[in-house]
Amino acid sequence: MASVDEVRAALNTLAERLSASADAQGRIDLNRTLACRVPDLATAWHGKLVDGRLVDIADGDDPKAKISLTANSDDLIELVHGRLDVMKAYTSGQVKIGANPFDLLKLRKLL
């Protein structure tokens, strides 16, 4: 099991990667609140997706977030570093993503 600090670092890496991707691909119209829940560590983070960038990452859950991602710490780190395919993890239930169907389509462009 990864530590809270390792997951926090992975989320910061994800934020950097999304910013670089948004810069390269241009603006992606996706502005939503995001909650990332990590049950095996009994913790969560929240932030905002703004034009395809992940910003304002902070400790704690946001139960009203428009998009939620739930994954165990090791799976989340594997996802961020590209060693676990998002679609395979989602369809197998390793990762749970709560979002409306239109947001899911936009998320695919980011990931």
C-alpha atoms as a PDB file:
ATOM      1  CA  MET A   1       0.000   0.000   0.000  1.00  0.00           C
ATOM      2  CA  ALA A   2       1.332   3.412  -0.978  1.00  0.00           C
ATOM      3  CA  SER A   3       1.569   6.209   1.567  1.00  0.00           C
ATOM      4  CA  VAL A   4      -0.506   9.382   1.685  1.00  0.00           C
ATOM      5  CA  ASP A   5       2.557  11.376   0.608  1.00  0.00           C
ATOM      6  CA  GLU A   6       3.131   9.092  -2.401  1.00  0.00           C
ATOM      7  CA  VAL A   7      -0.479   9.523  -3.525  1.00  0.00           C
ATOM      8  CA  ARG A   8      -0.279  13.296  -3.008  1.00  0.00           C
ATOM      9  CA  ALA A   9       2.877  13.356  -5.152  1.00  0.00           C
ATOM     10  CA  ALA A  10       1.143  11.268  -7.833  1.00  0.00           C
ATOM     11  CA  LEU A  11      -1.782  13.712  -7.924  1.00  0.00           C
ATOM     12  CA  ASN A  12       0.657  16.600  -8.360  1.00  0.00           C
ATOM     13  CA  THR A  13       2.338  14.675 -11.188  1.00  0.00           C
ATOM     14  CA  LEU A  14      -1.081  14.145 -12.779  1.00  0.00           C
ATOM     15  CA  ALA A  15      -1.806  17.875 -12.506  1.00  0.00           C
ATOM     16  CA  GLU A  16       1.494  18.685 -14.250  1.00  0.00           C
ATOM     17  CA  ARG A  17       0.819  16.144 -16.996  1.00  0.00           C
ATOM     18  CA  LEU A  18      -2.703  17.464 -17.609  1.00  0.00           C
ATOM     19  CA  SER A  19      -1.382  21.020 -17.844  1.00  0.00           C
ATOM     20  CA  ALA A  20       1.241  19.985 -20.377  1.00  0.00           C
ATOM     21  CA  SER A  21      -1.373  18.052 -22.342  1.00  0.00           C
ATOM     22  CA  ALA A  22      -3.789  20.983 -22.311  1.00  0.00           C
ATOM     23  CA  ASP A  23      -1.016  23.277 -23.547  1.00  0.00           C
ATOM     24  CA  ALA A  24      -0.199  20.894 -26.398  1.00  0.00           C
ATOM     25  CA  GLN A  25      -3.784  20.036 -27.396  1.00  0.00           C
ATOM     26  CA  GLY A  26      -5.366  23.402 -26.788  1.00  0.00           C
ATOM     27  CA  ARG A  27      -8.257  24.246 -24.518  1.00  0.00           C
ATOM     28  CA  ILE A  28     -10.510  21.358 -23.475  1.00  0.00           C
ATOM     29  CA  ASP A  29     -13.914  22.552 -22.340  1.00  0.00           C
ATOM     30  CA  LEU A  30     -14.101  20.695 -19.038  1.00  0.00           C
ATOM     31  CA  ASN A  31     -14.686  22.758 -15.921  1.00  0.00           C
ATOM     32  CA  ARG A  32     -15.816  20.610 -13.012  1.00  0.00           C
ATOM     33  CA  THR A  33     -15.085  19.937  -9.378  1.00  0.00           C
ATOM     34  CA  LEU A  34     -13.263  16.664  -8.757  1.00  0.00           C
ATOM     35  CA  ALA A  35     -12.993  14.370  -5.754  1.00  0.00           C
ATOM     36  CA  CYS A  36     -10.374  11.640  -5.547  1.00  0.00           C
ATOM     37  CA  ARG A  37     -11.116   9.043  -2.888  1.00  0.00           C
ATOM     38  CA  VAL A  38      -8.547   6.505  -1.724  1.00  0.00           C
ATOM     39  CA  PRO A  39     -10.339   3.960   0.503  1.00  0.00           C
ATOM     40  CA  ASP A  40      -7.314   1.896   1.539  1.00  0.00           C
ATOM     41  CA  LEU A  41      -5.767   5.023   3.088  1.00  0.00           C
ATOM     42  CA  ALA A  42      -9.143   6.294   4.366  1.00  0.00           C
ATOM     43  CA  THR A  43      -8.447   9.679   2.784  1.00  0.00           C
ATOM     44  CA  ALA A  44      -9.464  11.873  -0.115  1.00  0.00           C
ATOM     45  CA  TRP A  45      -8.443  14.939  -2.076  1.00  0.00           C
ATOM     46  CA  HIS A  46     -10.424  17.425  -4.092  1.00  0.00           C
ATOM     47  CA  GLY A  47      -9.666  19.962  -6.766  1.00  0.00           C
ATOM     48  CA  LYS A  48     -10.993  21.521  -9.916  1.00  0.00           C
ATOM     49  CA  LEU A  49     -10.664  20.685 -13.566  1.00  0.00           C
ATOM     50  CA  VAL A  50     -10.401  23.985 -15.398  1.00  0.00           C
ATOM     51  CA  ASP A  51     -10.021  23.848 -19.187  1.00  0.00           C
ATOM     52  CA  GLY A  52      -8.567  20.345 -18.848  1.00  0.00           C
ATOM     53  CA  ARG A  53      -6.099  21.322 -16.116  1.00  0.00           C
ATOM     54  CA  LEU A  54      -6.230  19.971 -12.564  1.00  0.00           C
ATOM     55  CA  VAL A  55      -5.858  22.876 -10.137  1.00  0.00           C
ATOM     56  CA  ASP A  56      -6.378  23.720  -6.474  1.00  0.00           C
ATOM     57  CA  ILE A  57      -5.659  20.206  -5.160  1.00  0.00           C
ATOM     58  CA  ALA A  58      -6.378  20.076  -1.443  1.00  0.00           C
ATOM     59  CA  ASP A  59      -6.788  17.462   1.259  1.00  0.00           C
ATOM     60  CA  GLY A  60     -10.298  16.282   2.057  1.00  0.00           C
ATOM     61  CA  ASP A  61     -13.339  15.036   0.217  1.00  0.00           C
ATOM     62  CA  ASP A  62     -15.868  17.062  -1.738  1.00  0.00           C
ATOM     63  CA  PRO A  63     -19.136  15.127  -1.582  1.00  0.00           C
ATOM     64  CA  LYS A  64     -20.704  17.563  -4.069  1.00  0.00           C
ATOM     65  CA  ALA A  65     -17.969  17.122  -6.701  1.00  0.00           C
ATOM     66  CA  LYS A  66     -19.289  16.701 -10.238  1.00  0.00           C
ATOM     67  CA  ILE A  67     -16.633  14.059 -10.998  1.00  0.00           C
ATOM     68  CA  SER A  68     -15.382  11.448  -8.552  1.00  0.00           C
ATOM     69  CA  LEU A  69     -12.552   8.972  -8.852  1.00  0.00           C
ATOM     70  CA  THR A  70     -12.206   6.147  -6.357  1.00  0.00           C
ATOM     71  CA  ALA A  71      -9.156   3.894  -6.394  1.00  0.00           C
ATOM     72  CA  ASN A  72      -6.814   2.180  -3.970  1.00  0.00           C
ATOM     73  CA  SER A  73      -3.500   3.938  -3.490  1.00  0.00           C
ATOM     74  CA  ASP A  74      -1.364   1.509  -5.505  1.00  0.00           C
ATOM     75  CA  ASP A  75      -3.837   1.515  -8.417  1.00  0.00           C
ATOM     76  CA  LEU A  76      -3.978   5.303  -8.451  1.00  0.00           C
ATOM     77  CA  ILE A  77      -0.198   5.561  -8.608  1.00  0.00           C
ATOM     78  CA  GLU A  78      -0.072   2.958 -11.383  1.00  0.00           C
ATOM     79  CA  LEU A  79      -2.696   4.937 -13.340  1.00  0.00           C
ATOM     80  CA  VAL A  80      -0.840   8.219 -12.994  1.00  0.00           C
ATOM     81  CA  HIS A  81       2.431   6.685 -14.164  1.00  0.00           C
ATOM     82  CA  GLY A  82       0.791   4.926 -17.108  1.00  0.00           C
ATOM     83  CA  ARG A  83       1.379   1.385 -15.889  1.00  0.00           C
ATOM     84  CA  LEU A  84      -2.355   0.691 -15.544  1.00  0.00           C
ATOM     85  CA  ASP A  85      -4.736   1.342 -18.431  1.00  0.00           C
ATOM     86  CA  VAL A  86      -7.597   3.612 -17.373  1.00  0.00           C
ATOM     87  CA  MET A  87     -10.252   1.864 -19.448  1.00  0.00           C
ATOM     88  CA  LYS A  88      -9.227  -1.616 -18.309  1.00  0.00           C
ATOM     89  CA  ALA A  89      -9.146  -0.487 -14.680  1.00  0.00           C
ATOM     90  CA  TYR A  90     -12.552   1.192 -15.065  1.00  0.00           C
ATOM     91  CA  THR A  91     -14.244  -1.757 -16.764  1.00  0.00           C
ATOM     92  CA  SER A  92     -12.771  -4.245 -14.280  1.00  0.00           C
ATOM     93  CA  GLY A  93     -13.926  -2.176 -11.294  1.00  0.00           C
ATOM     94  CA  GLN A  94     -10.424  -1.423 -10.005  1.00  0.00           C
ATOM     95  CA  VAL A  95     -11.191   2.236 -10.488  1.00  0.00           C
ATOM     96  CA  LYS A  96     -14.587   3.841 -10.116  1.00  0.00           C
ATOM     97  CA  ILE A  97     -15.372   7.062 -11.940  1.00  0.00           C
ATOM     98  CA  GLY A  98     -18.552   8.932 -11.216  1.00  0.00           C
ATOM     99  CA  ALA A  99     -19.471  11.464 -13.890  1.00  0.00           C
ATOM    100  CA  ASN A 100     -22.167  12.160 -16.408  1.00  0.00           C
ATOM    101  CA  PRO A 101     -21.679  10.464 -19.808  1.00  0.00           C
ATOM    102  CA  PHE A 102     -20.627  13.682 -21.561  1.00  0.00           C
ATOM    103  CA  ASP A 103     -17.955  14.362 -18.951  1.00  0.00           C
ATOM    104  CA  LEU A 104     -16.684  10.786 -19.287  1.00  0.00           C
ATOM    105  CA  LEU A 105     -16.137  11.380 -23.005  1.00  0.00           C
ATOM    106  CA  LYS A 106     -14.196  14.566 -22.289  1.00  0.00           C
ATOM    107  CA  LEU A 107     -12.162  12.793 -19.583  1.00  0.00           C
ATOM    108  CA  ARG A 108     -11.054  10.194 -22.134  1.00  0.00           C
ATOM    109  CA  LYS A 109      -9.370  12.985 -24.090  1.00  0.00           C
ATOM    110  CA  LEU A 110      -7.425  14.000 -20.993  1.00  0.00           C
ATOM    111  CA  LEU A 111      -6.324  10.543 -19.950  1.00  0.00           C
END
